[in-house]
Every structure is written in structure tokens, then in C-alpha cells.
Amino acid sequence: MKKIKNPFINKEGYNCFGCSPNNSIGIKLDFFFDEINNTVISEWEPNLNLVGYNNILHGGIQATLLDEIASWVVYTVLKTGGVTSQMWVRYRKPVNIDDGKIRLIARLDKHEKRLADIKVELYNGKGELSAEANLQYFIYPEDIAKEKFGYPGIENFFN
């Protein structure tokens, strides 16, 4: 497993709620690439600022986590940029804030023309599958992703 570099950090105006380490209220996700399984993985520790009800991580934050890691599959597996066009989430078990780090695993399920289907699983601090999502991304050709959306090229995600 290798760390994925965040090539957006020094870009002017970059303040992503999901992955910017400099967003004071953001969730600051880091990502790793599992070459064996061709998956993107993240571990993250929730805090009480993101509680929805009675020590449970807010469902909207869970959806944000699922969507954010899916975009990194687009960057690193498909080697381009894209935007979320659909997202289906199934919440299975609570994610208690005080159970510690959660784990996200995302993988490309299907890619046809300009659409990519990505599956994401979220495991709570006890290691239980707590949420899963099927996301569909509209994918841009790499040259358009670079020109219009600032995609930096695959070479900038890995050392």
C-alpha cells in the first residue's frame, strides 16, 4: 500500500472540505492506494463536532466521506477528473464517535465511456460495515480535466 500525495495543496483557492489539510473546519482525509486490490483506502477519526444524534456520526458527513474517497478513485485509477452524477447510500449500522477510527475502502466497479461506477464501504471503529455507497461519476477526458478543472496528471499523485 502506498500513500497518495495530495497535489492540490499548493493550488490557489484550494480549500476542499473533504481533503484540504488547511481547511479549519474540514475533515482532512488522507488516502492510500492498495495496488493488489486496486482500491483507495482512508482512515479517519471522527470528532464530536460532527455528531448527528447521541454520539453518532452525522449521516451527511458519512455521505461526504463516501463521495470524497470516490473522487480519489477517479483521480488515481481512471487518471482523470470527474463529478458526481448520482449517489446511492445505504446506512447499515451506527458510527459511534467514541469507537475511534473509521475505515473507507473504494474501488472502481464499472467504467463505460464517460460514466464510472464506484463502490465505497465505510467501516465503523469496531470494524463493522456501517455504510456503503454506489456512486456514478461523469468522467472528463484527461485533457479537459486538466484544462477546465485543474486535474494535475497521475504523475503528481505518487512519488
Protein backbone atom coordinates (compact mmCIF):
# COMPACT_ATOMS: atom_id res chain seq x y z
CA MET A 1 0.00 0.00 0.00
CA LYS A 2 1.34 3.44 -0.88
CA LYS A 3 0.42 6.93 0.23
CA ILE A 4 -1.36 9.09 -2.32
CA LYS A 5 0.07 12.60 -2.46
CA ASN A 6 -2.39 15.47 -2.44
CA PRO A 7 -1.22 17.54 -5.44
CA PHE A 8 -3.83 20.25 -4.86
CA ILE A 9 -2.32 21.57 -1.61
CA ASN A 10 -0.44 24.49 -3.15
CA LYS A 11 -3.11 25.44 -5.69
CA GLU A 12 -4.59 28.88 -5.25
CA GLY A 13 -8.13 28.71 -3.88
CA TYR A 14 -7.88 25.07 -2.80
CA ASN A 15 -9.89 24.61 0.41
CA CYS A 16 -11.76 21.32 -0.10
CA PHE A 17 -13.91 20.37 2.88
CA GLY A 18 -13.04 16.71 2.32
CA CYS A 19 -9.31 16.64 1.71
CA SER A 20 -7.63 20.01 2.31
CA PRO A 21 -5.31 19.82 5.32
CA ASN A 22 -5.68 23.60 5.64
CA ASN A 23 -9.47 23.84 5.90
CA SER A 24 -10.02 24.65 9.58
CA ILE A 25 -13.47 23.04 9.66
CA GLY A 26 -12.76 20.30 7.08
CA ILE A 27 -12.38 16.57 7.61
CA LYS A 28 -8.83 16.46 6.18
CA LEU A 29 -8.81 12.99 4.65
CA ASP A 30 -5.58 11.27 3.58
CA PHE A 31 -5.61 8.46 1.04
CA PHE A 32 -3.65 5.30 0.30
CA PHE A 33 -3.59 3.12 -2.80
CA ASP A 34 -3.73 -0.65 -2.44
CA GLU A 35 -2.09 -1.88 -5.65
CA ILE A 36 -3.04 -5.51 -5.04
CA ASN A 37 -6.78 -4.82 -4.82
CA ASN A 38 -6.76 -1.63 -6.92
CA THR A 39 -8.57 0.25 -4.15
CA VAL A 40 -8.28 3.61 -2.46
CA ILE A 41 -8.31 3.49 1.35
CA SER A 42 -8.63 6.12 4.05
CA GLU A 43 -8.74 6.01 7.83
CA TRP A 44 -10.20 8.91 9.74
CA GLU A 45 -11.11 9.66 13.34
CA PRO A 46 -14.45 11.43 13.78
CA ASN A 47 -14.93 14.05 16.48
CA LEU A 48 -17.84 15.39 18.50
CA ASN A 49 -18.21 18.45 16.24
CA LEU A 50 -19.68 16.12 13.60
CA VAL A 51 -22.22 14.29 15.74
CA GLY A 52 -25.75 13.95 14.43
CA TYR A 53 -27.52 12.36 17.35
CA ASN A 54 -26.36 10.85 20.62
CA ASN A 55 -22.67 10.12 19.78
CA ILE A 56 -23.45 9.01 16.20
CA LEU A 57 -21.55 10.49 13.26
CA HIS A 58 -23.96 12.62 11.20
CA GLY A 59 -25.26 10.80 8.11
CA GLY A 60 -24.44 13.77 5.89
CA ILE A 61 -20.82 13.62 7.00
CA GLN A 62 -20.79 9.90 6.24
CA ALA A 63 -22.12 10.65 2.74
CA THR A 64 -19.40 13.29 2.31
CA LEU A 65 -16.73 10.76 3.28
CA LEU A 66 -18.11 8.24 0.78
CA ASP A 67 -18.25 10.79 -2.02
CA GLU A 68 -14.81 12.23 -1.30
CA ILE A 69 -12.95 8.93 -1.44
CA ALA A 70 -14.80 8.01 -4.65
CA SER A 71 -13.37 11.11 -6.32
CA TRP A 72 -9.87 9.91 -5.47
CA VAL A 73 -10.63 6.66 -7.32
CA VAL A 74 -11.38 8.82 -10.36
CA TYR A 75 -8.08 10.68 -9.94
CA THR A 76 -5.86 7.66 -9.37
CA VAL A 77 -7.50 4.65 -11.03
CA LEU A 78 -9.11 6.38 -14.01
CA LYS A 79 -6.33 9.00 -14.16
CA THR A 80 -8.60 11.96 -14.80
CA GLY A 81 -11.21 14.17 -13.16
CA GLY A 82 -14.96 13.94 -12.90
CA VAL A 83 -18.03 14.99 -10.99
CA THR A 84 -20.60 13.04 -9.01
CA SER A 85 -23.73 12.47 -11.07
CA GLN A 86 -25.55 10.03 -8.75
CA MET A 87 -25.06 8.64 -5.29
CA TRP A 88 -26.93 5.88 -3.50
CA VAL A 89 -26.13 5.31 0.18
CA ARG A 90 -27.21 2.50 2.46
CA TYR A 91 -26.67 3.09 6.18
CA ARG A 92 -26.31 -0.27 7.94
CA LYS A 93 -25.00 0.39 11.46
CA PRO A 94 -24.33 3.46 13.58
CA VAL A 95 -20.88 5.02 13.52
CA ASN A 96 -20.31 5.95 17.14
CA ILE A 97 -17.88 8.84 17.52
CA ASP A 98 -16.20 7.31 20.57
CA ASP A 99 -15.44 3.99 18.82
CA GLY A 100 -12.39 5.56 17.18
CA LYS A 101 -11.08 5.49 13.63
CA ILE A 102 -13.29 4.55 10.75
CA ARG A 103 -12.05 2.97 7.53
CA LEU A 104 -13.17 3.69 3.99
CA ILE A 105 -12.48 1.43 1.02
CA ALA A 106 -13.35 2.48 -2.54
CA ARG A 107 -13.00 0.69 -5.85
CA LEU A 108 -13.97 1.12 -9.46
CA ASP A 109 -16.88 -1.17 -10.25
CA LYS A 110 -17.54 -0.31 -13.89
CA HIS A 111 -16.34 2.21 -16.46
CA GLU A 112 -18.12 2.79 -19.76
CA LYS A 113 -17.37 5.78 -21.95
CA ARG A 114 -17.82 8.85 -19.74
CA LEU A 115 -19.51 7.16 -16.76
CA ALA A 116 -17.80 5.38 -13.90
CA ASP A 117 -19.50 3.38 -11.15
CA ILE A 118 -17.61 3.34 -7.85
CA LYS A 119 -18.38 1.24 -4.78
CA VAL A 120 -17.42 2.51 -1.33
CA GLU A 121 -17.63 0.84 2.07
CA LEU A 122 -17.41 2.61 5.42
CA TYR A 123 -16.43 0.57 8.49
CA ASN A 124 -17.02 1.93 12.00
CA GLY A 125 -14.41 1.91 14.76
CA LYS A 126 -15.39 -1.66 15.66
CA GLY A 127 -14.65 -2.81 12.10
CA GLU A 128 -18.33 -3.33 11.21
CA LEU A 129 -19.68 -2.39 7.79
CA SER A 130 -21.71 0.70 8.66
CA ALA A 131 -22.48 2.33 5.32
CA GLU A 132 -21.98 1.56 1.68
CA ALA A 133 -22.44 3.64 -1.42
CA ASN A 134 -22.71 3.22 -5.15
CA LEU A 135 -21.64 6.39 -6.88
CA GLN A 136 -21.75 7.26 -10.53
CA TYR A 137 -19.25 9.82 -11.75
CA PHE A 138 -19.32 11.69 -15.02
CA ILE A 139 -15.73 11.42 -16.27
CA TYR A 140 -13.92 14.01 -18.35
CA PRO A 141 -11.23 13.19 -20.89
CA GLU A 142 -7.87 13.89 -19.26
CA ASP A 143 -7.09 16.95 -21.42
CA ILE A 144 -10.41 18.60 -20.47
CA ALA A 145 -9.97 17.63 -16.80
CA LYS A 146 -6.55 19.34 -16.86
CA GLU A 147 -7.69 22.44 -18.72
CA LYS A 148 -11.03 23.17 -17.08
CA PHE A 149 -10.82 21.52 -13.66
CA GLY A 150 -7.14 21.61 -12.73
CA TYR A 151 -6.51 17.88 -12.81
CA PRO A 152 -2.72 17.76 -12.28
CA GLY A 153 -1.98 14.43 -14.01
CA ILE A 154 -1.49 11.00 -12.45
CA GLU A 155 2.25 11.54 -12.02
CA ASN A 156 1.52 14.11 -9.30
CA PHE A 157 -0.33 11.69 -7.01
CA PHE A 158 2.55 9.31 -6.37
CA ASN A 159 6.25 9.70 -5.58
